[in-house]
């Protein structure tokens, strides 16, 4: 489906020069002289690279239709993550390479969304915040009581995050999947 470049939104998936891209940011620019243009920050969903491009305001671009399937994570099998479709109960194997950094947030029983484009898996969409159990923390250093003092903690997926000094091993915390930061106690 072709849409006018003026109708784009953040988070929209489009085809540009044959590449499947996610619009991360855009800005309409009207210089004092010359025609208006649109500056777009695009993430290539195949390669993961991010580029910035400018377009005239009179062009049309192709909007890509992404299918989202609700799935539950079951287990890891070698370099693959195995998910179960919540509607059909069919199992789907997703290579770790497709998950990238998101693999650090996937834990047993979690519900996520797998994104498909023309039958091919292009990625996953995680909840904004997920609860994790702290399996290991470093000791708080005496005298390290500056504002917002933090220490390393390992969550159940093996990812190391920074937490406040008062968080101990065995506690459950909320972690933001956008930046991997501690977001509060669960």
N, C-alpha and C. Protein backbone atom coordinates (compact mmCIF):
# COMPACT_ATOMS: atom_id res chain seq x y z
N UNK A 1 0.84 -1.18 0.00
CA UNK A 1 0.00 0.00 0.00
C UNK A 1 0.89 1.24 0.00
N UNK A 2 0.67 2.11 -0.95
CA UNK A 2 1.44 3.35 -1.02
C UNK A 2 0.79 4.44 -0.18
N UNK A 3 1.62 5.16 0.56
CA UNK A 3 1.12 6.28 1.37
C UNK A 3 1.98 7.50 1.07
N UNK A 4 1.41 8.67 1.31
CA UNK A 4 2.13 9.92 1.13
C UNK A 4 3.16 10.03 2.25
N UNK A 5 4.33 10.54 1.96
CA UNK A 5 5.40 10.67 2.95
C UNK A 5 4.98 11.54 4.13
N UNK A 6 4.00 12.43 3.92
CA UNK A 6 3.52 13.29 5.00
C UNK A 6 2.65 12.54 6.01
N UNK A 7 2.23 11.31 5.67
CA UNK A 7 1.35 10.54 6.55
C UNK A 7 2.09 9.49 7.38
N UNK A 8 3.42 9.54 7.39
CA UNK A 8 4.17 8.54 8.15
C UNK A 8 4.09 8.80 9.65
N UNK A 9 4.37 7.74 10.43
CA UNK A 9 4.36 7.84 11.90
C UNK A 9 5.55 7.06 12.44
N UNK A 10 5.99 7.41 13.66
CA UNK A 10 7.04 6.63 14.32
C UNK A 10 6.55 5.21 14.55
N UNK A 11 7.42 4.23 14.35
CA UNK A 11 7.04 2.83 14.54
C UNK A 11 6.44 2.17 13.32
N UNK A 12 6.21 2.93 12.26
CA UNK A 12 5.64 2.39 11.02
C UNK A 12 6.72 1.61 10.26
N UNK A 13 6.32 0.53 9.61
CA UNK A 13 7.26 -0.27 8.82
C UNK A 13 7.01 0.01 7.34
N UNK A 14 8.08 0.35 6.63
CA UNK A 14 7.96 0.74 5.22
C UNK A 14 9.03 0.03 4.38
N UNK A 15 8.81 -0.01 3.07
CA UNK A 15 9.79 -0.53 2.13
C UNK A 15 10.47 0.66 1.45
N UNK A 16 11.79 0.77 1.59
CA UNK A 16 12.54 1.84 0.95
C UNK A 16 13.70 1.21 0.20
N UNK A 17 13.75 1.43 -1.10
CA UNK A 17 14.77 0.83 -1.98
C UNK A 17 14.83 -0.69 -1.81
N UNK A 18 13.68 -1.32 -1.63
CA UNK A 18 13.62 -2.78 -1.50
C UNK A 18 13.98 -3.29 -0.11
N UNK A 19 14.31 -2.40 0.81
CA UNK A 19 14.66 -2.80 2.18
C UNK A 19 13.51 -2.56 3.14
N UNK A 20 13.29 -3.51 4.03
CA UNK A 20 12.26 -3.39 5.05
C UNK A 20 12.82 -2.54 6.19
N UNK A 21 12.19 -1.39 6.46
CA UNK A 21 12.72 -0.44 7.44
C UNK A 21 11.65 -0.01 8.44
N UNK A 22 12.10 0.26 9.66
CA UNK A 22 11.24 0.77 10.72
C UNK A 22 11.54 2.25 10.88
N UNK A 23 10.50 3.08 10.89
CA UNK A 23 10.69 4.52 11.08
C UNK A 23 10.85 4.77 12.57
N UNK A 24 12.06 5.22 12.97
CA UNK A 24 12.31 5.49 14.38
C UNK A 24 11.96 6.93 14.73
N UNK A 25 12.34 7.86 13.85
CA UNK A 25 12.03 9.28 14.05
C UNK A 25 11.87 9.94 12.69
N UNK A 26 11.09 11.00 12.66
CA UNK A 26 11.02 11.78 11.43
C UNK A 26 10.78 13.24 11.78
N UNK A 27 11.15 14.10 10.84
CA UNK A 27 10.99 15.53 11.07
C UNK A 27 10.67 16.21 9.75
N UNK A 28 9.60 16.99 9.74
CA UNK A 28 9.27 17.79 8.57
C UNK A 28 10.09 19.08 8.66
N UNK A 29 10.81 19.40 7.59
CA UNK A 29 11.67 20.58 7.59
C UNK A 29 11.22 21.53 6.48
N UNK A 30 10.99 22.78 6.86
CA UNK A 30 10.60 23.81 5.89
C UNK A 30 11.66 24.90 5.96
N UNK A 31 12.68 24.79 5.09
CA UNK A 31 13.74 25.82 5.13
C UNK A 31 13.21 27.16 4.61
N UNK A 32 13.94 28.21 4.90
CA UNK A 32 13.55 29.54 4.43
C UNK A 32 13.52 29.61 2.93
N UNK A 33 14.46 28.97 2.28
CA UNK A 33 14.51 28.93 0.82
C UNK A 33 14.43 27.47 0.38
N UNK A 34 13.86 27.25 -0.73
CA UNK A 34 13.79 25.90 -1.28
C UNK A 34 12.57 25.14 -0.78
N UNK A 35 12.36 23.95 -1.36
CA UNK A 35 11.16 23.17 -1.01
C UNK A 35 11.30 22.48 0.35
N UNK A 36 10.16 22.15 0.94
CA UNK A 36 10.14 21.42 2.21
C UNK A 36 10.60 19.98 1.96
N UNK A 37 11.11 19.34 3.02
CA UNK A 37 11.51 17.94 2.92
C UNK A 37 11.27 17.24 4.25
N UNK A 38 11.39 15.92 4.23
CA UNK A 38 11.20 15.11 5.43
C UNK A 38 12.49 14.37 5.70
N UNK A 39 13.02 14.51 6.93
CA UNK A 39 14.22 13.79 7.35
C UNK A 39 13.76 12.62 8.22
N UNK A 40 14.17 11.40 7.84
CA UNK A 40 13.70 10.19 8.54
C UNK A 40 14.89 9.37 9.03
N UNK A 41 14.81 8.92 10.29
CA UNK A 41 15.79 7.99 10.85
C UNK A 41 15.19 6.60 10.71
N UNK A 42 15.84 5.75 9.90
CA UNK A 42 15.31 4.41 9.58
C UNK A 42 16.20 3.31 10.14
N UNK A 43 15.57 2.26 10.63
CA UNK A 43 16.31 1.07 11.05
C UNK A 43 16.00 -0.04 10.06
N UNK A 44 17.04 -0.56 9.40
CA UNK A 44 16.88 -1.67 8.47
C UNK A 44 16.62 -2.92 9.29
N UNK A 45 15.46 -3.56 9.11
CA UNK A 45 15.07 -4.70 9.93
C UNK A 45 15.82 -5.98 9.57
N UNK A 46 16.48 -6.03 8.43
CA UNK A 46 17.28 -7.22 8.06
C UNK A 46 18.69 -7.13 8.65
N UNK A 47 19.32 -5.96 8.50
CA UNK A 47 20.71 -5.81 8.92
C UNK A 47 20.85 -5.20 10.31
N UNK A 48 19.82 -4.49 10.79
CA UNK A 48 19.89 -3.85 12.09
C UNK A 48 20.54 -2.48 12.06
N UNK A 49 21.05 -2.06 10.88
CA UNK A 49 21.73 -0.77 10.80
C UNK A 49 20.71 0.38 10.78
N UNK A 50 21.15 1.53 11.26
CA UNK A 50 20.30 2.71 11.30
C UNK A 50 20.90 3.79 10.40
N UNK A 51 20.06 4.37 9.55
CA UNK A 51 20.50 5.43 8.64
C UNK A 51 19.50 6.59 8.69
N UNK A 52 19.99 7.75 8.28
CA UNK A 52 19.11 8.91 8.19
C UNK A 52 19.03 9.30 6.72
N UNK A 53 17.81 9.50 6.21
CA UNK A 53 17.62 9.88 4.82
C UNK A 53 16.65 11.05 4.74
N UNK A 54 16.76 11.81 3.66
CA UNK A 54 15.82 12.90 3.42
C UNK A 54 15.04 12.61 2.16
N UNK A 55 13.78 13.03 2.16
CA UNK A 55 12.87 12.80 1.04
C UNK A 55 12.10 14.07 0.74
N UNK A 56 11.76 14.27 -0.53
CA UNK A 56 10.86 15.37 -0.90
C UNK A 56 9.47 15.06 -0.34
N UNK A 57 8.69 16.09 -0.08
CA UNK A 57 7.37 15.89 0.52
C UNK A 57 6.32 15.42 -0.48
N UNK A 58 6.64 15.36 -1.76
CA UNK A 58 5.62 14.97 -2.74
C UNK A 58 5.72 13.50 -3.14
N UNK A 59 6.61 12.70 -2.53
CA UNK A 59 6.74 11.30 -2.93
C UNK A 59 5.82 10.40 -2.11
N UNK A 60 5.62 9.20 -2.64
CA UNK A 60 4.85 8.19 -1.93
C UNK A 60 5.80 7.05 -1.60
N UNK A 61 5.58 6.41 -0.43
CA UNK A 61 6.39 5.26 -0.05
C UNK A 61 5.45 4.08 0.21
N UNK A 62 6.01 2.88 0.18
CA UNK A 62 5.22 1.67 0.36
C UNK A 62 5.21 1.26 1.82
N UNK A 63 4.02 1.14 2.38
CA UNK A 63 3.87 0.69 3.76
C UNK A 63 3.90 -0.84 3.75
N UNK A 64 4.71 -1.43 4.62
CA UNK A 64 4.83 -2.89 4.69
C UNK A 64 3.86 -3.42 5.73
N UNK A 65 3.16 -4.50 5.40
CA UNK A 65 2.22 -5.11 6.34
C UNK A 65 2.96 -6.16 7.17
N UNK A 66 3.01 -5.93 8.47
CA UNK A 66 3.68 -6.85 9.40
C UNK A 66 2.62 -7.62 10.16
N UNK A 67 2.73 -8.96 10.15
CA UNK A 67 1.84 -9.81 10.94
C UNK A 67 2.47 -10.03 12.30
N UNK A 68 1.67 -9.87 13.35
CA UNK A 68 2.16 -10.09 14.71
C UNK A 68 1.40 -11.28 15.30
N UNK A 69 2.16 -12.28 15.76
CA UNK A 69 1.56 -13.45 16.38
C UNK A 69 1.92 -13.47 17.86
N UNK A 70 0.92 -13.65 18.71
CA UNK A 70 1.15 -13.75 20.15
C UNK A 70 1.66 -15.15 20.46
N UNK A 71 2.82 -15.23 21.11
CA UNK A 71 3.44 -16.51 21.42
C UNK A 71 3.93 -16.53 22.86
N UNK A 72 4.20 -17.73 23.35
CA UNK A 72 4.77 -17.91 24.69
C UNK A 72 6.11 -18.62 24.56
N UNK A 73 7.12 -18.13 25.29
CA UNK A 73 8.43 -18.76 25.24
C UNK A 73 8.40 -20.06 26.03
N UNK A 74 8.90 -21.15 25.41
CA UNK A 74 8.93 -22.46 26.06
C UNK A 74 10.32 -22.81 26.56
N UNK A 75 11.30 -22.89 25.64
CA UNK A 75 12.65 -23.31 26.03
C UNK A 75 13.65 -22.97 24.93
N UNK A 76 14.94 -23.08 25.28
CA UNK A 76 16.01 -22.89 24.29
C UNK A 76 16.47 -24.26 23.81
N UNK A 77 16.72 -24.36 22.51
CA UNK A 77 17.19 -25.60 21.92
C UNK A 77 18.41 -25.26 21.05
N UNK A 78 19.60 -25.46 21.61
CA UNK A 78 20.81 -25.06 20.90
C UNK A 78 20.85 -23.56 20.73
N UNK A 79 20.97 -23.08 19.48
CA UNK A 79 20.98 -21.65 19.20
C UNK A 79 19.60 -21.12 18.84
N UNK A 80 18.56 -21.92 19.06
CA UNK A 80 17.20 -21.51 18.75
C UNK A 80 16.37 -21.34 20.02
N UNK A 81 15.42 -20.42 19.94
CA UNK A 81 14.44 -20.24 21.00
C UNK A 81 13.13 -20.83 20.49
N UNK A 82 12.46 -21.65 21.31
CA UNK A 82 11.23 -22.29 20.88
C UNK A 82 10.05 -21.59 21.55
N UNK A 83 9.10 -21.14 20.71
CA UNK A 83 7.90 -20.45 21.17
C UNK A 83 6.68 -21.25 20.75
N UNK A 84 5.56 -21.05 21.47
CA UNK A 84 4.31 -21.70 21.11
C UNK A 84 3.29 -20.63 20.76
N UNK A 85 2.67 -20.76 19.58
CA UNK A 85 1.62 -19.84 19.17
C UNK A 85 0.45 -20.00 20.13
N UNK A 86 -0.03 -18.89 20.72
CA UNK A 86 -1.09 -18.94 21.73
C UNK A 86 -2.45 -19.31 21.16
N UNK A 87 -2.62 -19.23 19.83
CA UNK A 87 -3.92 -19.56 19.23
C UNK A 87 -3.93 -20.96 18.63
N UNK A 88 -2.85 -21.33 17.91
CA UNK A 88 -2.83 -22.61 17.20
C UNK A 88 -2.05 -23.69 17.95
N UNK A 89 -1.31 -23.31 19.00
CA UNK A 89 -0.44 -24.20 19.79
C UNK A 89 0.69 -24.79 18.97
N UNK A 90 0.93 -24.24 17.78
CA UNK A 90 2.03 -24.69 16.93
C UNK A 90 3.34 -24.11 17.50
N UNK A 91 4.43 -24.90 17.43
CA UNK A 91 5.72 -24.44 17.95
C UNK A 91 6.51 -23.77 16.84
N UNK A 92 7.17 -22.66 17.19
CA UNK A 92 7.96 -21.88 16.24
C UNK A 92 9.38 -21.75 16.79
N UNK A 93 10.37 -22.12 15.97
CA UNK A 93 11.76 -21.96 16.39
C UNK A 93 12.31 -20.67 15.78
N UNK A 94 12.92 -19.84 16.64
CA UNK A 94 13.49 -18.58 16.20
C UNK A 94 14.98 -18.58 16.51
N UNK A 95 15.85 -18.39 15.51
CA UNK A 95 17.29 -18.36 15.76
C UNK A 95 17.67 -17.18 16.67
N UNK A 96 18.66 -17.40 17.53
CA UNK A 96 19.15 -16.37 18.45
C UNK A 96 19.57 -15.12 17.68
N UNK A 97 20.11 -15.29 16.46
CA UNK A 97 20.59 -14.15 15.67
C UNK A 97 19.46 -13.17 15.35
N UNK A 98 18.24 -13.67 15.18
CA UNK A 98 17.11 -12.78 14.89
C UNK A 98 16.72 -11.98 16.14
N UNK A 99 16.83 -12.60 17.31
CA UNK A 99 16.46 -11.93 18.56
C UNK A 99 17.46 -10.85 18.94
N UNK A 100 18.74 -11.07 18.63
CA UNK A 100 19.77 -10.08 18.97
C UNK A 100 19.81 -9.83 20.46
N UNK A 101 19.84 -8.56 20.84
CA UNK A 101 19.92 -8.15 22.25
C UNK A 101 18.67 -8.56 23.03
N UNK A 102 17.53 -8.70 22.35
CA UNK A 102 16.28 -9.08 23.02
C UNK A 102 16.36 -10.47 23.65
N UNK A 103 17.29 -11.31 23.20
CA UNK A 103 17.45 -12.66 23.77
C UNK A 103 17.76 -12.59 25.26
N UNK A 104 18.37 -11.50 25.72
CA UNK A 104 18.71 -11.34 27.14
C UNK A 104 17.48 -11.14 28.03
N UNK A 105 16.33 -10.87 27.43
CA UNK A 105 15.12 -10.59 28.20
C UNK A 105 14.09 -11.71 28.14
N UNK A 106 14.34 -12.74 27.33
CA UNK A 106 13.38 -13.82 27.14
C UNK A 106 13.53 -14.83 28.27
N UNK A 107 12.42 -15.07 28.99
CA UNK A 107 12.45 -16.06 30.07
C UNK A 107 11.25 -16.99 29.93
N UNK A 108 11.34 -18.16 30.51
CA UNK A 108 10.32 -19.19 30.39
C UNK A 108 8.93 -18.68 30.79
N UNK A 109 7.94 -18.97 29.94
CA UNK A 109 6.56 -18.61 30.23
C UNK A 109 6.15 -17.21 29.84
N UNK A 110 7.07 -16.40 29.34
CA UNK A 110 6.75 -15.01 29.00
C UNK A 110 5.98 -14.96 27.67
N UNK A 111 4.98 -14.08 27.60
CA UNK A 111 4.23 -13.86 26.37
C UNK A 111 4.82 -12.68 25.62
N UNK A 112 5.13 -12.90 24.34
CA UNK A 112 5.67 -11.85 23.49
C UNK A 112 4.95 -11.89 22.15
N UNK A 113 5.39 -11.06 21.22
CA UNK A 113 4.82 -11.05 19.89
C UNK A 113 5.95 -11.29 18.89
N UNK A 114 5.75 -12.23 17.95
CA UNK A 114 6.72 -12.46 16.88
C UNK A 114 6.21 -11.73 15.64
N UNK A 115 7.10 -10.96 15.01
CA UNK A 115 6.74 -10.16 13.84
C UNK A 115 7.16 -10.90 12.57
N UNK A 116 6.19 -11.06 11.64
CA UNK A 116 6.43 -11.73 10.36
C UNK A 116 6.22 -10.75 9.22
N UNK A 117 7.06 -10.86 8.19
CA UNK A 117 6.84 -10.11 6.95
C UNK A 117 6.92 -11.11 5.82
N UNK A 118 5.83 -11.28 5.11
CA UNK A 118 5.71 -12.25 4.01
C UNK A 118 6.18 -13.63 4.43
N UNK A 119 5.74 -14.06 5.62
CA UNK A 119 6.05 -15.40 6.12
C UNK A 119 7.41 -15.56 6.75
N UNK A 120 8.24 -14.53 6.74
CA UNK A 120 9.59 -14.60 7.30
C UNK A 120 9.63 -13.86 8.64
N UNK A 121 10.28 -14.47 9.64
CA UNK A 121 10.39 -13.84 10.96
C UNK A 121 11.39 -12.70 10.87
N UNK A 122 10.96 -11.51 11.31
CA UNK A 122 11.88 -10.37 11.27
C UNK A 122 12.26 -9.88 12.66
N UNK A 123 11.59 -10.37 13.69
CA UNK A 123 11.94 -9.95 15.04
C UNK A 123 10.83 -10.24 16.03
N UNK A 124 11.05 -9.77 17.27
CA UNK A 124 10.05 -9.95 18.31
C UNK A 124 9.75 -8.61 18.96
N UNK A 125 8.57 -8.54 19.60
CA UNK A 125 8.21 -7.36 20.37
C UNK A 125 7.99 -7.81 21.81
N UNK A 126 8.81 -7.27 22.71
CA UNK A 126 8.74 -7.62 24.13
C UNK A 126 7.80 -6.68 24.88
N UNK A 127 7.28 -7.11 26.04
CA UNK A 127 6.56 -6.16 26.90
C UNK A 127 7.53 -5.05 27.32
N UNK A 128 6.99 -3.89 27.69
CA UNK A 128 7.84 -2.75 28.05
C UNK A 128 8.68 -3.04 29.29
N UNK A 129 8.07 -3.70 30.29
CA UNK A 129 8.78 -4.05 31.52
C UNK A 129 8.47 -5.50 31.87
N UNK A 130 9.48 -6.20 32.37
CA UNK A 130 9.33 -7.61 32.73
C UNK A 130 9.90 -7.83 34.13
N UNK A 131 9.26 -8.73 34.90
CA UNK A 131 9.75 -9.09 36.24
C UNK A 131 10.81 -10.16 36.12
N UNK A 132 11.90 -9.98 36.87
CA UNK A 132 12.98 -10.97 36.91
C UNK A 132 13.42 -11.17 38.35
N UNK A 133 13.87 -12.39 38.64
CA UNK A 133 14.42 -12.70 39.95
C UNK A 133 15.91 -12.42 39.90
N UNK A 134 16.44 -11.78 40.95
CA UNK A 134 17.88 -11.52 41.06
C UNK A 134 18.53 -12.81 41.55
N UNK A 135 19.47 -13.36 40.77
CA UNK A 135 20.12 -14.61 41.19
C UNK A 135 21.49 -14.36 41.81
N UNK A 136 22.04 -13.17 41.60
CA UNK A 136 23.34 -12.86 42.19
C UNK A 136 23.53 -11.35 42.21
N UNK A 137 24.08 -10.83 43.33
CA UNK A 137 24.41 -9.40 43.39
C UNK A 137 25.80 -9.26 43.99
N UNK A 138 26.45 -8.16 43.65
CA UNK A 138 27.74 -7.86 44.27
C UNK A 138 27.45 -7.16 45.59
N UNK A 139 28.41 -7.19 46.48
CA UNK A 139 28.24 -6.53 47.78
C UNK A 139 28.30 -5.02 47.61
N UNK A 140 27.54 -4.31 48.42
CA UNK A 140 27.60 -2.85 48.41
C UNK A 140 28.95 -2.43 49.00
N UNK A 141 29.64 -1.51 48.37
CA UNK A 141 30.94 -1.06 48.84
C UNK A 141 30.73 -0.02 49.94
N UNK A 142 31.36 -0.24 51.11
CA UNK A 142 31.20 0.68 52.23
C UNK A 142 31.73 2.05 51.84
N UNK A 143 30.96 3.07 52.15
CA UNK A 143 31.34 4.43 51.80
C UNK A 143 30.81 4.85 50.44
N UNK A 144 30.25 3.91 49.69
CA UNK A 144 29.70 4.22 48.38
C UNK A 144 28.24 4.62 48.52
N UNK A 145 28.00 5.74 49.17
CA UNK A 145 26.62 6.15 49.44
C UNK A 145 26.28 7.45 48.74
N UNK A 146 26.93 7.70 47.63
CA UNK A 146 26.60 8.89 46.84
C UNK A 146 25.17 8.75 46.32
N UNK A 147 24.61 9.81 45.83
CA UNK A 147 23.26 9.78 45.30
C UNK A 147 23.15 8.73 44.20
N UNK A 148 22.08 7.95 44.23
CA UNK A 148 21.80 6.92 43.22
C UNK A 148 22.93 5.89 43.09
N UNK A 149 23.55 5.51 44.21
CA UNK A 149 24.60 4.49 44.17
C UNK A 149 23.99 3.17 43.70
N UNK A 150 24.70 2.47 42.80
CA UNK A 150 24.18 1.23 42.25
C UNK A 150 25.25 0.14 42.28
N UNK A 151 24.79 -1.11 42.17
CA UNK A 151 25.70 -2.25 42.12
C UNK A 151 25.23 -3.18 41.01
N UNK A 152 26.11 -4.11 40.61
CA UNK A 152 25.77 -5.09 39.58
C UNK A 152 24.89 -6.20 40.16
N UNK A 153 23.93 -6.64 39.36
CA UNK A 153 23.08 -7.77 39.75
C UNK A 153 22.82 -8.60 38.50
N UNK A 154 22.80 -9.93 38.68
CA UNK A 154 22.53 -10.83 37.57
C UNK A 154 21.10 -11.30 37.68
N UNK A 155 20.31 -11.12 36.59
CA UNK A 155 18.92 -11.59 36.60
C UNK A 155 18.88 -13.02 36.08
N UNK A 156 17.71 -13.65 36.20
CA UNK A 156 17.58 -15.08 35.89
C UNK A 156 17.93 -15.47 34.46
N UNK A 157 17.98 -14.52 33.52
CA UNK A 157 18.36 -14.85 32.15
C UNK A 157 19.87 -14.80 31.96
N UNK A 158 20.60 -14.33 32.99
CA UNK A 158 22.05 -14.22 32.90
C UNK A 158 22.54 -12.82 32.58
N UNK A 159 21.63 -11.91 32.26
CA UNK A 159 22.01 -10.52 31.95
C UNK A 159 22.37 -9.80 33.25
N UNK A 160 23.43 -8.99 33.19
CA UNK A 160 23.86 -8.19 34.34
C UNK A 160 23.29 -6.79 34.18
N UNK A 161 22.60 -6.33 35.23
CA UNK A 161 22.02 -4.98 35.23
C UNK A 161 22.51 -4.23 36.46
N UNK A 162 22.28 -2.93 36.49
CA UNK A 162 22.61 -2.10 37.66
C UNK A 162 21.34 -1.95 38.49
N UNK A 163 21.49 -2.16 39.82
CA UNK A 163 20.35 -2.00 40.73
C UNK A 163 20.79 -1.14 41.92
N UNK A 164 19.83 -0.54 42.64
CA UNK A 164 20.18 0.21 43.85
C UNK A 164 20.81 -0.72 44.89
N UNK A 165 21.56 -0.15 45.83
CA UNK A 165 22.28 -0.93 46.83
C UNK A 165 21.37 -1.78 47.72
N UNK A 166 20.10 -1.35 47.91
CA UNK A 166 19.21 -2.07 48.83
C UNK A 166 18.61 -3.35 48.23
N UNK A 167 18.80 -3.60 46.96
CA UNK A 167 18.26 -4.81 46.32
C UNK A 167 19.19 -5.99 46.63
N UNK A 168 18.59 -7.10 47.08
CA UNK A 168 19.38 -8.28 47.45
C UNK A 168 19.06 -9.48 46.59
N UNK A 169 19.93 -10.50 46.66
CA UNK A 169 19.74 -11.75 45.95
C UNK A 169 18.39 -12.35 46.33
N UNK A 170 17.67 -12.92 45.34
CA UNK A 170 16.39 -13.55 45.61
C UNK A 170 15.20 -12.63 45.45
N UNK A 171 15.42 -11.33 45.39
CA UNK A 171 14.31 -10.38 45.21
C UNK A 171 13.89 -10.35 43.75
N UNK A 172 12.65 -9.90 43.51
CA UNK A 172 12.13 -9.77 42.16
C UNK A 172 12.05 -8.29 41.81
N UNK A 173 12.59 -7.96 40.64
CA UNK A 173 12.62 -6.56 40.21
C UNK A 173 12.00 -6.42 38.82
N UNK A 174 11.58 -5.20 38.49
CA UNK A 174 11.10 -4.88 37.15
C UNK A 174 12.27 -4.31 36.35
N UNK A 175 12.42 -4.78 35.10
CA UNK A 175 13.48 -4.30 34.23
C UNK A 175 12.86 -3.79 32.94
N UNK A 176 13.29 -2.62 32.49
CA UNK A 176 12.83 -2.05 31.23
C UNK A 176 13.51 -2.78 30.08
N UNK A 177 12.74 -3.27 29.12
CA UNK A 177 13.33 -3.98 27.98
C UNK A 177 13.85 -3.02 26.92
N UNK A 178 13.53 -1.74 27.04
CA UNK A 178 14.02 -0.75 26.06
C UNK A 178 15.50 -0.46 26.28
N UNK A 179 15.90 -0.26 27.57
CA UNK A 179 17.28 0.12 27.85
C UNK A 179 17.99 -0.80 28.85
N UNK A 180 17.29 -1.84 29.36
CA UNK A 180 17.92 -2.78 30.28
C UNK A 180 18.16 -2.22 31.67
N UNK A 181 17.42 -1.19 32.05
CA UNK A 181 17.62 -0.57 33.35
C UNK A 181 16.60 -1.02 34.38
N UNK A 182 17.02 -1.01 35.62
CA UNK A 182 16.16 -1.31 36.76
C UNK A 182 15.00 -0.32 36.77
N UNK A 183 13.76 -0.85 36.94
CA UNK A 183 12.60 0.04 36.91
C UNK A 183 11.77 -0.03 38.19
N UNK A 184 12.28 -0.71 39.21
CA UNK A 184 11.57 -0.79 40.50
C UNK A 184 11.44 -2.21 40.98
N UNK A 185 10.97 -2.33 42.22
CA UNK A 185 10.69 -3.66 42.77
C UNK A 185 9.38 -4.17 42.20
N UNK A 186 9.28 -5.48 42.08
CA UNK A 186 8.06 -6.08 41.54
C UNK A 186 7.03 -6.29 42.63
